[in-house]
Amino acid sequence: MSKIGIMGGTFNPIHFGHLFLAENAYEQAGLDKVLFMPSKNPPHKAVTSKVTEAQRVDMIKLAIKDNPHFELSTLELNREGMTYTADTLQVLKEENEDAKYYFIVGTDSLFMMQNWKEPQVVFDLCTVLVAARDNANVDEIHKHMDFLKKNFQAKVLYIEMPMLQIASADIRERIEKKHTVRYYMPTSVIQYITDHRLYSPPQEVPLI
């Protein structure tokens, strides 16, 4: 039975925080691979800025191209309407019923999962891998993990990793202000943003 991680998000843009979390989840959960799955229309977050789906995909491809156990999945981009995790997991299970899926989240998502569409379906079809972010209280994380286990019979595992304070919104703001984003994301992604003048006024932006 293959063990497949799912790293969802808008990836607008992808950065080292995403890659670091995915790699730690891969290693600690003994995954066979991690799917990077960009969202089309997530119900909880608008895809901001004038960046196309194709450009978000291009940036993901550049960021993961040198990692053999990272793959791009456009499953959610290929579906119309709002994209819900419960629906995505059901499609994945239909396509590969023998696989075991692991949904990788930060603590901001963990604390909201009971309010997602059909949370029981989500917990029935995957194991949740959670890592602390944004100075989240570890005791509160484990308390909420226990809540999900008790009320939904959820399978939730905690990922140990150093905390990286990187957010896509902060990167977009830095670019708008013409501040460097060196060390926030792979150089290839920075070059792509520069070449396509994403997240910024039309004049040249010194990102590196």
Protein backbone atom coordinates (compact mmCIF):
# COMPACT_ATOMS: atom_id res chain seq x y z
CA MET A 1 0.00 0.00 0.00
CA SER A 2 1.54 3.30 -1.09
CA LYS A 3 1.60 6.19 1.36
CA ILE A 4 0.88 9.47 -0.39
CA GLY A 5 1.08 12.91 1.17
CA ILE A 6 -1.11 15.78 -0.03
CA MET A 7 0.21 19.33 0.27
CA GLY A 8 -2.63 21.66 -0.66
CA GLY A 9 -2.78 25.42 -0.87
CA THR A 10 -2.96 28.35 -3.23
CA PHE A 11 0.86 28.46 -3.53
CA ASN A 12 0.66 32.13 -4.41
CA PRO A 13 3.61 31.93 -4.46
CA ILE A 14 5.19 28.68 -3.29
CA HIS A 15 8.04 29.19 -0.80
CA PHE A 16 10.53 27.35 1.40
CA GLY A 17 7.98 27.01 4.21
CA HIS A 18 5.83 24.78 1.97
CA LEU A 19 8.82 22.73 0.84
CA PHE A 20 10.23 22.37 4.35
CA LEU A 21 6.90 21.14 5.75
CA ALA A 22 6.42 18.68 2.89
CA GLU A 23 9.92 17.25 3.29
CA ASN A 24 9.55 16.81 7.05
CA ALA A 25 6.17 15.13 6.58
CA TYR A 26 7.66 12.84 3.93
CA GLU A 27 10.49 11.78 6.22
CA GLN A 28 8.66 11.46 9.54
CA ALA A 29 5.55 9.69 8.19
CA GLY A 30 7.54 7.43 5.88
CA LEU A 31 5.67 8.61 2.79
CA ASP A 32 6.37 7.34 -0.71
CA LYS A 33 5.71 10.74 -2.28
CA VAL A 34 4.06 14.10 -1.68
CA LEU A 35 1.57 15.64 -4.11
CA PHE A 36 1.62 19.43 -4.37
CA MET A 37 -1.99 20.23 -5.18
CA PRO A 38 -2.78 23.89 -5.95
CA SER A 39 -6.32 24.96 -5.08
CA LYS A 40 -8.69 26.41 -7.68
CA ASN A 41 -11.39 28.10 -5.58
CA PRO A 42 -10.77 27.31 -1.90
CA PRO A 43 -13.77 28.25 0.28
CA HIS A 44 -11.65 29.80 3.04
CA LYS A 45 -9.17 31.89 1.03
CA ALA A 46 -9.41 33.94 -2.16
CA VAL A 47 -6.63 33.52 -4.70
CA THR A 48 -5.38 37.09 -4.64
CA SER A 49 -3.25 39.07 -7.12
CA LYS A 50 -3.33 38.90 -10.89
CA VAL A 51 -1.61 35.53 -11.10
CA THR A 52 -3.00 32.83 -13.35
CA GLU A 53 -3.43 29.17 -12.51
CA ALA A 54 -0.80 28.36 -15.13
CA GLN A 55 1.70 30.69 -13.44
CA ARG A 56 1.08 29.13 -10.03
CA VAL A 57 1.64 25.71 -11.61
CA ASP A 58 4.84 26.88 -13.29
CA MET A 59 6.23 28.13 -9.97
CA ILE A 60 5.44 24.81 -8.27
CA LYS A 61 7.15 22.88 -11.06
CA LEU A 62 10.27 25.01 -10.68
CA ALA A 63 10.28 24.64 -6.88
CA ILE A 64 9.95 20.83 -6.80
CA LYS A 65 11.81 19.80 -9.95
CA ASP A 66 14.95 18.64 -8.10
CA ASN A 67 13.08 16.47 -5.55
CA PRO A 68 12.19 12.98 -6.88
CA HIS A 69 9.50 12.34 -4.25
CA PHE A 70 7.61 15.59 -4.87
CA GLU A 71 4.96 15.65 -7.63
CA LEU A 72 2.50 18.18 -9.00
CA SER A 73 -1.20 17.29 -9.04
CA THR A 74 -3.66 19.51 -10.92
CA LEU A 75 -6.68 17.53 -9.72
CA GLU A 76 -8.33 20.50 -8.01
CA LEU A 77 -7.49 22.94 -10.80
CA ASN A 78 -9.24 20.65 -13.27
CA ARG A 79 -12.53 20.78 -11.35
CA GLU A 80 -15.05 23.60 -11.55
CA GLY A 81 -16.59 25.39 -8.60
CA MET A 82 -15.39 25.43 -5.00
CA THR A 83 -12.74 22.85 -4.16
CA TYR A 84 -13.34 20.92 -0.97
CA THR A 85 -10.91 18.47 0.63
CA ALA A 86 -13.66 15.87 1.17
CA ASP A 87 -14.41 15.81 -2.55
CA THR A 88 -10.73 15.66 -3.47
CA LEU A 89 -10.07 12.71 -1.19
CA GLN A 90 -13.07 10.83 -2.57
CA VAL A 91 -11.79 11.29 -6.12
CA LEU A 92 -8.29 10.17 -5.13
CA LYS A 93 -9.65 7.08 -3.40
CA GLU A 94 -11.71 6.17 -6.46
CA GLU A 95 -8.63 6.48 -8.65
CA ASN A 96 -6.33 4.56 -6.29
CA GLU A 97 -8.27 2.69 -3.62
CA ASP A 98 -5.17 0.89 -2.36
CA ALA A 99 -3.29 4.08 -1.48
CA LYS A 100 -3.16 5.50 2.02
CA TYR A 101 -3.45 9.30 2.02
CA TYR A 102 -1.89 11.78 4.43
CA PHE A 103 -3.16 15.36 4.41
CA ILE A 104 -0.47 17.84 5.46
CA VAL A 105 -1.64 20.98 7.29
CA GLY A 106 -0.41 23.80 9.46
CA THR A 107 -2.03 24.61 12.78
CA ASP A 108 -4.23 27.33 11.28
CA SER A 109 -5.98 24.66 9.22
CA LEU A 110 -6.01 22.09 12.04
CA PHE A 111 -8.05 24.34 14.34
CA MET A 112 -10.70 24.79 11.62
CA MET A 113 -11.02 21.25 10.28
CA GLN A 114 -14.14 20.40 12.26
CA ASN A 115 -15.88 23.21 10.34
CA TRP A 116 -14.86 22.00 6.89
CA LYS A 117 -17.37 20.49 4.48
CA GLU A 118 -18.05 16.87 5.54
CA PRO A 119 -15.23 16.68 8.10
CA GLN A 120 -16.05 13.06 8.92
CA VAL A 121 -15.39 12.09 5.30
CA VAL A 122 -12.03 13.86 5.47
CA PHE A 123 -11.01 12.06 8.64
CA ASP A 124 -12.26 8.71 7.34
CA LEU A 125 -10.23 8.95 4.14
CA CYS A 126 -6.89 10.29 5.36
CA THR A 127 -4.44 10.70 8.19
CA VAL A 128 -3.78 14.33 9.09
CA LEU A 129 -0.16 15.42 9.51
CA VAL A 130 0.13 18.73 11.37
CA ALA A 131 3.09 20.98 12.11
CA ALA A 132 3.24 24.08 14.28
CA ARG A 133 3.35 27.48 12.61
CA ASP A 134 3.05 31.15 13.58
CA ASN A 135 4.12 30.56 17.20
CA ALA A 136 1.21 28.20 17.85
CA ASN A 137 1.04 26.76 21.35
CA VAL A 138 2.05 23.09 21.19
CA ASP A 139 -0.18 22.17 24.12
CA GLU A 140 -3.16 23.73 22.34
CA ILE A 141 -2.30 21.81 19.19
CA HIS A 142 -2.28 18.48 21.02
CA LYS A 143 -5.47 19.42 22.86
CA HIS A 144 -7.21 20.02 19.54
CA MET A 145 -5.76 16.82 18.11
CA ASP A 146 -7.34 14.96 21.03
CA PHE A 147 -10.65 16.74 20.34
CA LEU A 148 -10.62 15.56 16.71
CA LYS A 149 -9.67 12.03 17.70
CA LYS A 150 -12.48 11.85 20.27
CA ASN A 151 -15.25 13.44 18.18
CA PHE A 152 -14.35 12.23 14.68
CA GLN A 153 -12.13 9.21 15.36
CA ALA A 154 -9.54 11.17 13.39
CA LYS A 155 -6.03 9.91 12.78
CA VAL A 156 -3.80 12.90 13.50
CA LEU A 157 -0.01 12.89 13.79
CA TYR A 158 2.22 15.76 14.90
CA ILE A 159 5.24 16.63 12.74
CA GLU A 160 8.31 17.84 14.62
CA MET A 161 10.15 20.58 12.77
CA PRO A 162 11.78 23.97 13.33
CA MET A 163 9.34 26.80 12.76
CA LEU A 164 9.75 28.93 9.64
CA GLN A 165 7.95 32.27 9.73
CA ILE A 166 7.25 32.55 5.99
CA ALA A 167 3.88 33.32 4.44
CA SER A 168 2.89 33.89 0.82
CA ALA A 169 1.05 37.09 1.79
CA ASP A 170 4.24 38.49 3.35
CA ILE A 171 6.20 37.63 0.21
CA ARG A 172 3.66 39.40 -2.00
CA GLU A 173 3.86 42.45 0.26
CA ARG A 174 7.66 42.47 0.19
CA ILE A 175 7.66 42.35 -3.62
CA GLU A 176 5.12 45.17 -3.82
CA LYS A 177 7.42 47.24 -1.60
CA LYS A 178 10.46 46.28 -3.73
CA HIS A 179 12.14 44.39 -0.90
CA THR A 180 14.29 41.35 -1.52
CA VAL A 181 12.78 37.87 -1.21
CA ARG A 182 16.12 36.11 -1.34
CA TYR A 183 16.11 33.01 0.93
CA TYR A 184 12.29 32.99 1.02
CA MET A 185 11.95 30.68 -2.00
CA PRO A 186 14.06 28.89 -4.61
CA THR A 187 16.03 31.17 -6.89
CA SER A 188 14.29 29.68 -9.93
CA VAL A 189 10.92 30.83 -8.56
CA ILE A 190 12.27 34.30 -7.82
CA GLN A 191 13.57 34.51 -11.38
CA TYR A 192 10.17 33.44 -12.73
CA ILE A 193 8.42 36.13 -10.66
CA THR A 194 10.94 38.69 -11.93
CA ASP A 195 10.62 37.64 -15.57
CA HIS A 196 6.80 37.74 -15.46
CA ARG A 197 6.67 40.78 -13.15
CA LEU A 198 4.26 39.12 -10.75
CA TYR A 199 2.96 40.77 -7.56
CA SER A 200 4.48 44.11 -8.48
CA PRO A 201 4.08 47.33 -10.49
CA PRO A 202 5.30 47.11 -14.11
CA GLN A 203 8.74 48.54 -13.41
CA GLU A 204 11.64 46.22 -12.66
CA VAL A 205 11.76 44.88 -9.11
CA PRO A 206 15.07 43.96 -7.39
CA LEU A 207 14.01 40.70 -5.77
CA ILE A 208 17.46 39.20 -5.28
